[in-house]
Every structure is written in C-alpha cells, then in structure tokens.
C-alpha cells in the first residue's frame, strides 16, 4: 500500500520515471509475498531497468499495482524505486 501517500494514493503517478528494484529485492519479494498478483519469474530479468509508469490501479485494500512501459507484468510498488535526478 502506498508507502509515501497512503492507501488508494499512488506513490508513482502515470508518467513517472522509476527503476525496477535489484534482483535480490525482486527474489525476496517473490519468495515472501503471499497475496494477490505475485511477481512472475519472467519479470525478474528486468531488475534495475528504468522505465515510465504506464498505468496505475488499486487492489482491494489500497495496494497500488503498476504497469510499466516496455516491461511485462503487474508490478507492486514495493518492487519499484524512485529515480533521483
């Protein structure tokens, strides 16, 4: 759920540049996450890639779910990082 802005308020609005978390963080998320929209093995090779947020939706309870430009799958906010610059 929105770490910075709370439930039903996306941390990364559409068009925001983000970096996918590193491989260790993605593997930990795959191992530990037990709820909706698990991270798929096909998503892990995109670790560390920079891209834009294409769309944002919310799971019941307020968790943000993101689609990324040019990177497959549904992404949880915990798997994305801000890009400073």
C-alpha atoms as a PDB file:
ATOM      1  CA  UNK A   1       0.000   0.000   0.000  1.00  0.00           C
ATOM      2  CA  UNK A   2       1.207   3.495  -0.707  1.00  0.00           C
ATOM      3  CA  UNK A   3       4.357   3.838   1.351  1.00  0.00           C
ATOM      4  CA  UNK A   4       4.511   7.586   0.886  1.00  0.00           C
ATOM      5  CA  UNK A   5       0.942   8.698   0.243  1.00  0.00           C
ATOM      6  CA  UNK A   6      -1.233   6.020   1.906  1.00  0.00           C
ATOM      7  CA  UNK A   7      -3.913   3.651   0.588  1.00  0.00           C
ATOM      8  CA  UNK A   8      -5.520   4.390  -2.791  1.00  0.00           C
ATOM      9  CA  UNK A   9      -2.981   7.146  -3.495  1.00  0.00           C
ATOM     10  CA  UNK A  10      -0.245   6.066  -5.856  1.00  0.00           C
ATOM     11  CA  UNK A  11       3.361   6.740  -4.950  1.00  0.00           C
ATOM     12  CA  UNK A  12       4.251   6.822  -8.671  1.00  0.00           C
ATOM     13  CA  UNK A  13       1.726   8.677 -10.887  1.00  0.00           C
ATOM     14  CA  UNK A  14       1.397   7.817 -14.580  1.00  0.00           C
ATOM     15  CA  UNK A  15       4.423   9.119 -16.485  1.00  0.00           C
ATOM     16  CA  UNK A  16       6.814   8.934 -13.520  1.00  0.00           C
ATOM     17  CA  UNK A  17      10.285   7.536 -14.250  1.00  0.00           C
ATOM     18  CA  UNK A  18      11.053   4.591 -11.941  1.00  0.00           C
ATOM     19  CA  UNK A  19      13.722   1.947 -11.542  1.00  0.00           C
ATOM     20  CA  UNK A  20      12.792  -1.689 -11.002  1.00  0.00           C
ATOM     21  CA  UNK A  21      14.314  -2.971  -7.755  1.00  0.00           C
ATOM     22  CA  UNK A  22      17.515  -5.009  -7.883  1.00  0.00           C
ATOM     23  CA  UNK A  23      17.470  -8.783  -8.404  1.00  0.00           C
ATOM     24  CA  UNK A  24      17.905  -9.593  -4.694  1.00  0.00           C
ATOM     25  CA  UNK A  25      14.903  -7.444  -3.749  1.00  0.00           C
ATOM     26  CA  UNK A  26      12.768  -8.993  -6.509  1.00  0.00           C
ATOM     27  CA  UNK A  27      13.720 -12.524  -5.486  1.00  0.00           C
ATOM     28  CA  UNK A  28      12.907 -11.724  -1.844  1.00  0.00           C
ATOM     29  CA  UNK A  29       9.536 -10.318  -2.885  1.00  0.00           C
ATOM     30  CA  UNK A  30       8.806 -13.451  -4.982  1.00  0.00           C
ATOM     31  CA  UNK A  31       9.728 -15.660  -2.034  1.00  0.00           C
ATOM     32  CA  UNK A  32       7.888 -13.742   0.705  1.00  0.00           C
ATOM     33  CA  UNK A  33       4.795 -12.230  -0.954  1.00  0.00           C
ATOM     34  CA  UNK A  34       1.779 -14.482  -0.377  1.00  0.00           C
ATOM     35  CA  UNK A  35      -1.116 -12.391  -1.611  1.00  0.00           C
ATOM     36  CA  UNK A  36      -2.507 -11.046  -4.880  1.00  0.00           C
ATOM     37  CA  UNK A  37      -0.567 -10.556  -8.116  1.00  0.00           C
ATOM     38  CA  UNK A  38       2.621 -12.475  -7.290  1.00  0.00           C
ATOM     39  CA  UNK A  39       5.756 -11.443  -9.138  1.00  0.00           C
ATOM     40  CA  UNK A  40       6.409 -13.837 -12.017  1.00  0.00           C
ATOM     41  CA  UNK A  41       9.780 -15.325 -12.958  1.00  0.00           C
ATOM     42  CA  UNK A  42       9.579 -13.535 -16.344  1.00  0.00           C
ATOM     43  CA  UNK A  43       9.724 -10.186 -14.505  1.00  0.00           C
ATOM     44  CA  UNK A  44      12.960 -10.796 -12.568  1.00  0.00           C
ATOM     45  CA  UNK A  45      15.350 -10.232 -15.533  1.00  0.00           C
ATOM     46  CA  UNK A  46      14.125  -6.623 -15.653  1.00  0.00           C
ATOM     47  CA  UNK A  47      15.802  -5.876 -12.296  1.00  0.00           C
ATOM     48  CA  UNK A  48      17.465  -2.471 -12.291  1.00  0.00           C
ATOM     49  CA  UNK A  49      15.801  -1.268 -15.512  1.00  0.00           C
ATOM     50  CA  UNK A  50      14.486   2.283 -15.742  1.00  0.00           C
ATOM     51  CA  UNK A  51      11.099   2.927 -17.325  1.00  0.00           C
ATOM     52  CA  UNK A  52       7.933   5.006 -17.077  1.00  0.00           C
ATOM     53  CA  UNK A  53       4.712   4.199 -15.273  1.00  0.00           C
ATOM     54  CA  UNK A  54       2.117   3.365 -17.951  1.00  0.00           C
ATOM     55  CA  UNK A  55      -0.906   2.831 -15.683  1.00  0.00           C
ATOM     56  CA  UNK A  56      -1.895   2.574 -12.029  1.00  0.00           C
ATOM     57  CA  UNK A  57      -4.670   0.528 -10.475  1.00  0.00           C
ATOM     58  CA  UNK A  58      -5.507  -0.456  -6.928  1.00  0.00           C
ATOM     59  CA  UNK A  59      -6.217  -3.806  -5.343  1.00  0.00           C
ATOM     60  CA  UNK A  60      -8.905  -4.031  -2.673  1.00  0.00           C
ATOM     61  CA  UNK A  61      -7.280  -2.651   0.464  1.00  0.00           C
ATOM     62  CA  UNK A  62      -5.351   0.069  -1.306  1.00  0.00           C
ATOM     63  CA  UNK A  63      -2.274  -1.683  -2.721  1.00  0.00           C
ATOM     64  CA  UNK A  64      -1.028   0.084  -5.845  1.00  0.00           C
ATOM     65  CA  UNK A  65      -0.458  -2.052  -8.920  1.00  0.00           C
ATOM     66  CA  UNK A  66       1.557  -0.638 -11.786  1.00  0.00           C
ATOM     67  CA  UNK A  67       2.025  -1.398 -15.452  1.00  0.00           C
ATOM     68  CA  UNK A  68       5.328  -0.228 -16.897  1.00  0.00           C
ATOM     69  CA  UNK A  69       6.271   0.950 -20.376  1.00  0.00           C
ATOM     70  CA  UNK A  70       8.145  -1.821 -22.210  1.00  0.00           C
ATOM     71  CA  UNK A  71       8.314  -4.202 -19.230  1.00  0.00           C
ATOM     72  CA  UNK A  72       5.780  -7.017 -18.843  1.00  0.00           C
ATOM     73  CA  UNK A  73       3.632  -7.854 -15.857  1.00  0.00           C
ATOM     74  CA  UNK A  74       1.871  -6.201 -12.972  1.00  0.00           C
ATOM     75  CA  UNK A  75       4.229  -4.552 -10.500  1.00  0.00           C
ATOM     76  CA  UNK A  76       3.739  -3.822  -6.809  1.00  0.00           C
ATOM     77  CA  UNK A  77       5.056  -0.504  -5.534  1.00  0.00           C
ATOM     78  CA  UNK A  78       7.472  -2.415  -3.273  1.00  0.00           C
ATOM     79  CA  UNK A  79       9.282  -3.590  -6.426  1.00  0.00           C
ATOM     80  CA  UNK A  80       9.856  -0.064  -7.763  1.00  0.00           C
ATOM     81  CA  UNK A  81      12.273   2.663  -6.760  1.00  0.00           C
ATOM     82  CA  UNK A  82      12.385   6.395  -7.299  1.00  0.00           C
ATOM     83  CA  UNK A  83      14.858   7.768  -9.802  1.00  0.00           C
ATOM     84  CA  UNK A  84      16.740  10.730  -8.416  1.00  0.00           C
ATOM     85  CA  UNK A  85      17.934  13.205 -10.812  1.00  0.00           C
END
